[in-house]
Amino acid sequence: MLNGFNHWFSSAKKGERYTYHTGDLAFDRYVPLAKEPTPEKRELGLLADMAYELYVQREVLLVQKKIDFKVYEYQAVKI
């Protein structure tokens, strides 16, 4: 996941989109305090944090596309 996102970001042109998650991001990355996150949840958290940091730096826009009930495509758009 992270490698794919990094590769896309480094080579993407303005306006190109990358779907970095499909589902319910807040729910899918949630880990109860008493438990250790799985490697998949840890990587998803890092990916979401990376996308948000690029948004803060004004490198990408973050958009959501509703697919179904509680299912979204989370996309980064290069700006």
C-alpha atoms as a PDB file:
ATOM      1  CA  MET A   1       0.000   0.000   0.000  1.00  0.00           C
ATOM      2  CA  LEU A   2       2.606   2.558   1.058  1.00  0.00           C
ATOM      3  CA  ASN A   3       4.960   1.748  -1.804  1.00  0.00           C
ATOM      4  CA  GLY A   4       2.153   2.087  -4.335  1.00  0.00           C
ATOM      5  CA  PHE A   5       1.115   5.447  -2.924  1.00  0.00           C
ATOM      6  CA  ASN A   6       4.701   6.729  -2.837  1.00  0.00           C
ATOM      7  CA  HIS A   7       5.288   5.608  -6.413  1.00  0.00           C
ATOM      8  CA  TRP A   8       2.070   7.274  -7.582  1.00  0.00           C
ATOM      9  CA  PHE A   9       2.861  10.533  -5.781  1.00  0.00           C
ATOM     10  CA  SER A  10       6.389  10.789  -7.136  1.00  0.00           C
ATOM     11  CA  SER A  11       5.305  10.304 -10.750  1.00  0.00           C
ATOM     12  CA  ALA A  12       1.745  11.725 -10.832  1.00  0.00           C
ATOM     13  CA  LYS A  13       0.866  14.729 -12.930  1.00  0.00           C
ATOM     14  CA  LYS A  14      -1.455  17.505 -11.765  1.00  0.00           C
ATOM     15  CA  GLY A  15      -5.059  16.239 -11.577  1.00  0.00           C
ATOM     16  CA  GLU A  16      -4.214  12.536 -11.427  1.00  0.00           C
ATOM     17  CA  ARG A  17      -6.052  10.512  -8.782  1.00  0.00           C
ATOM     18  CA  TYR A  18      -5.039   7.618  -6.600  1.00  0.00           C
ATOM     19  CA  THR A  19      -7.512   5.519  -4.619  1.00  0.00           C
ATOM     20  CA  TYR A  20      -5.680   4.708  -1.421  1.00  0.00           C
ATOM     21  CA  HIS A  21      -8.530   2.946   0.416  1.00  0.00           C
ATOM     22  CA  THR A  22     -11.985   1.546  -0.208  1.00  0.00           C
ATOM     23  CA  GLY A  23     -14.246   1.009   2.783  1.00  0.00           C
ATOM     24  CA  ASP A  24     -14.847   3.058   5.948  1.00  0.00           C
ATOM     25  CA  LEU A  25     -11.443   4.541   6.761  1.00  0.00           C
ATOM     26  CA  ALA A  26     -12.179   5.606  10.337  1.00  0.00           C
ATOM     27  CA  PHE A  27     -13.629   2.190  11.203  1.00  0.00           C
ATOM     28  CA  ASP A  28     -11.063   0.191   9.236  1.00  0.00           C
ATOM     29  CA  ARG A  29      -8.076   1.809  10.948  1.00  0.00           C
ATOM     30  CA  TYR A  30      -9.607   1.767  14.455  1.00  0.00           C
ATOM     31  CA  VAL A  31      -7.763  -0.327  17.050  1.00  0.00           C
ATOM     32  CA  PRO A  32      -9.060  -0.660  20.631  1.00  0.00           C
ATOM     33  CA  LEU A  33      -6.583   0.719  23.183  1.00  0.00           C
ATOM     34  CA  ALA A  34      -5.999  -2.668  24.818  1.00  0.00           C
ATOM     35  CA  LYS A  35      -5.036  -4.389  21.559  1.00  0.00           C
ATOM     36  CA  GLU A  36      -2.029  -4.329  19.270  1.00  0.00           C
ATOM     37  CA  PRO A  37      -2.847  -3.267  15.682  1.00  0.00           C
ATOM     38  CA  THR A  38      -2.465  -5.849  12.960  1.00  0.00           C
ATOM     39  CA  PRO A  39       0.218  -5.144  10.341  1.00  0.00           C
ATOM     40  CA  GLU A  40      -2.551  -4.280   7.868  1.00  0.00           C
ATOM     41  CA  LYS A  41      -4.150  -1.742  10.217  1.00  0.00           C
ATOM     42  CA  ARG A  42      -0.763  -0.265  11.049  1.00  0.00           C
ATOM     43  CA  GLU A  43       0.023   0.181   7.344  1.00  0.00           C
ATOM     44  CA  LEU A  44      -3.424   1.640   6.645  1.00  0.00           C
ATOM     45  CA  GLY A  45      -2.906   4.134   9.474  1.00  0.00           C
ATOM     46  CA  LEU A  46       0.483   5.151   8.096  1.00  0.00           C
ATOM     47  CA  LEU A  47      -0.986   5.520   4.607  1.00  0.00           C
ATOM     48  CA  ALA A  48      -3.890   7.657   5.819  1.00  0.00           C
ATOM     49  CA  ASP A  49      -1.499   9.802   7.879  1.00  0.00           C
ATOM     50  CA  MET A  50       0.795  10.230   4.869  1.00  0.00           C
ATOM     51  CA  ALA A  51      -2.097  11.275   2.630  1.00  0.00           C
ATOM     52  CA  TYR A  52      -3.251  13.773   5.255  1.00  0.00           C
ATOM     53  CA  GLU A  53       0.258  15.212   5.656  1.00  0.00           C
ATOM     54  CA  LEU A  54       0.474  15.760   1.886  1.00  0.00           C
ATOM     55  CA  TYR A  55      -2.912  17.496   2.099  1.00  0.00           C
ATOM     56  CA  VAL A  56      -1.617  19.790   4.866  1.00  0.00           C
ATOM     57  CA  GLN A  57       1.411  20.585   2.694  1.00  0.00           C
ATOM     58  CA  ARG A  58      -0.980  21.423  -0.194  1.00  0.00           C
ATOM     59  CA  GLU A  59       0.435  18.702  -2.404  1.00  0.00           C
ATOM     60  CA  VAL A  60      -2.852  16.774  -2.796  1.00  0.00           C
ATOM     61  CA  LEU A  61      -6.575  17.184  -2.299  1.00  0.00           C
ATOM     62  CA  LEU A  62      -8.347  14.416  -0.419  1.00  0.00           C
ATOM     63  CA  VAL A  63     -11.768  13.390  -1.711  1.00  0.00           C
ATOM     64  CA  GLN A  64     -14.270  10.667  -0.973  1.00  0.00           C
ATOM     65  CA  LYS A  65     -16.574   8.956  -3.431  1.00  0.00           C
ATOM     66  CA  LYS A  66     -19.568   7.148  -1.966  1.00  0.00           C
ATOM     67  CA  ILE A  67     -19.858   3.596  -3.302  1.00  0.00           C
ATOM     68  CA  ASP A  68     -22.477   2.067  -0.988  1.00  0.00           C
ATOM     69  CA  PHE A  69     -23.738   2.286   2.594  1.00  0.00           C
ATOM     70  CA  LYS A  70     -20.607   2.923   4.712  1.00  0.00           C
ATOM     71  CA  VAL A  71     -18.346   2.170   1.733  1.00  0.00           C
ATOM     72  CA  TYR A  72     -16.288   4.964   0.198  1.00  0.00           C
ATOM     73  CA  GLU A  73     -13.360   5.340  -2.146  1.00  0.00           C
ATOM     74  CA  TYR A  74     -10.740   7.553  -0.542  1.00  0.00           C
ATOM     75  CA  GLN A  75      -8.752   9.345  -3.215  1.00  0.00           C
ATOM     76  CA  ALA A  76      -5.771  11.689  -3.309  1.00  0.00           C
ATOM     77  CA  VAL A  77      -5.658  14.151  -6.226  1.00  0.00           C
ATOM     78  CA  LYS A  78      -2.290  15.672  -7.122  1.00  0.00           C
ATOM     79  CA  ILE A  79      -2.359  19.482  -7.226  1.00  0.00           C
END
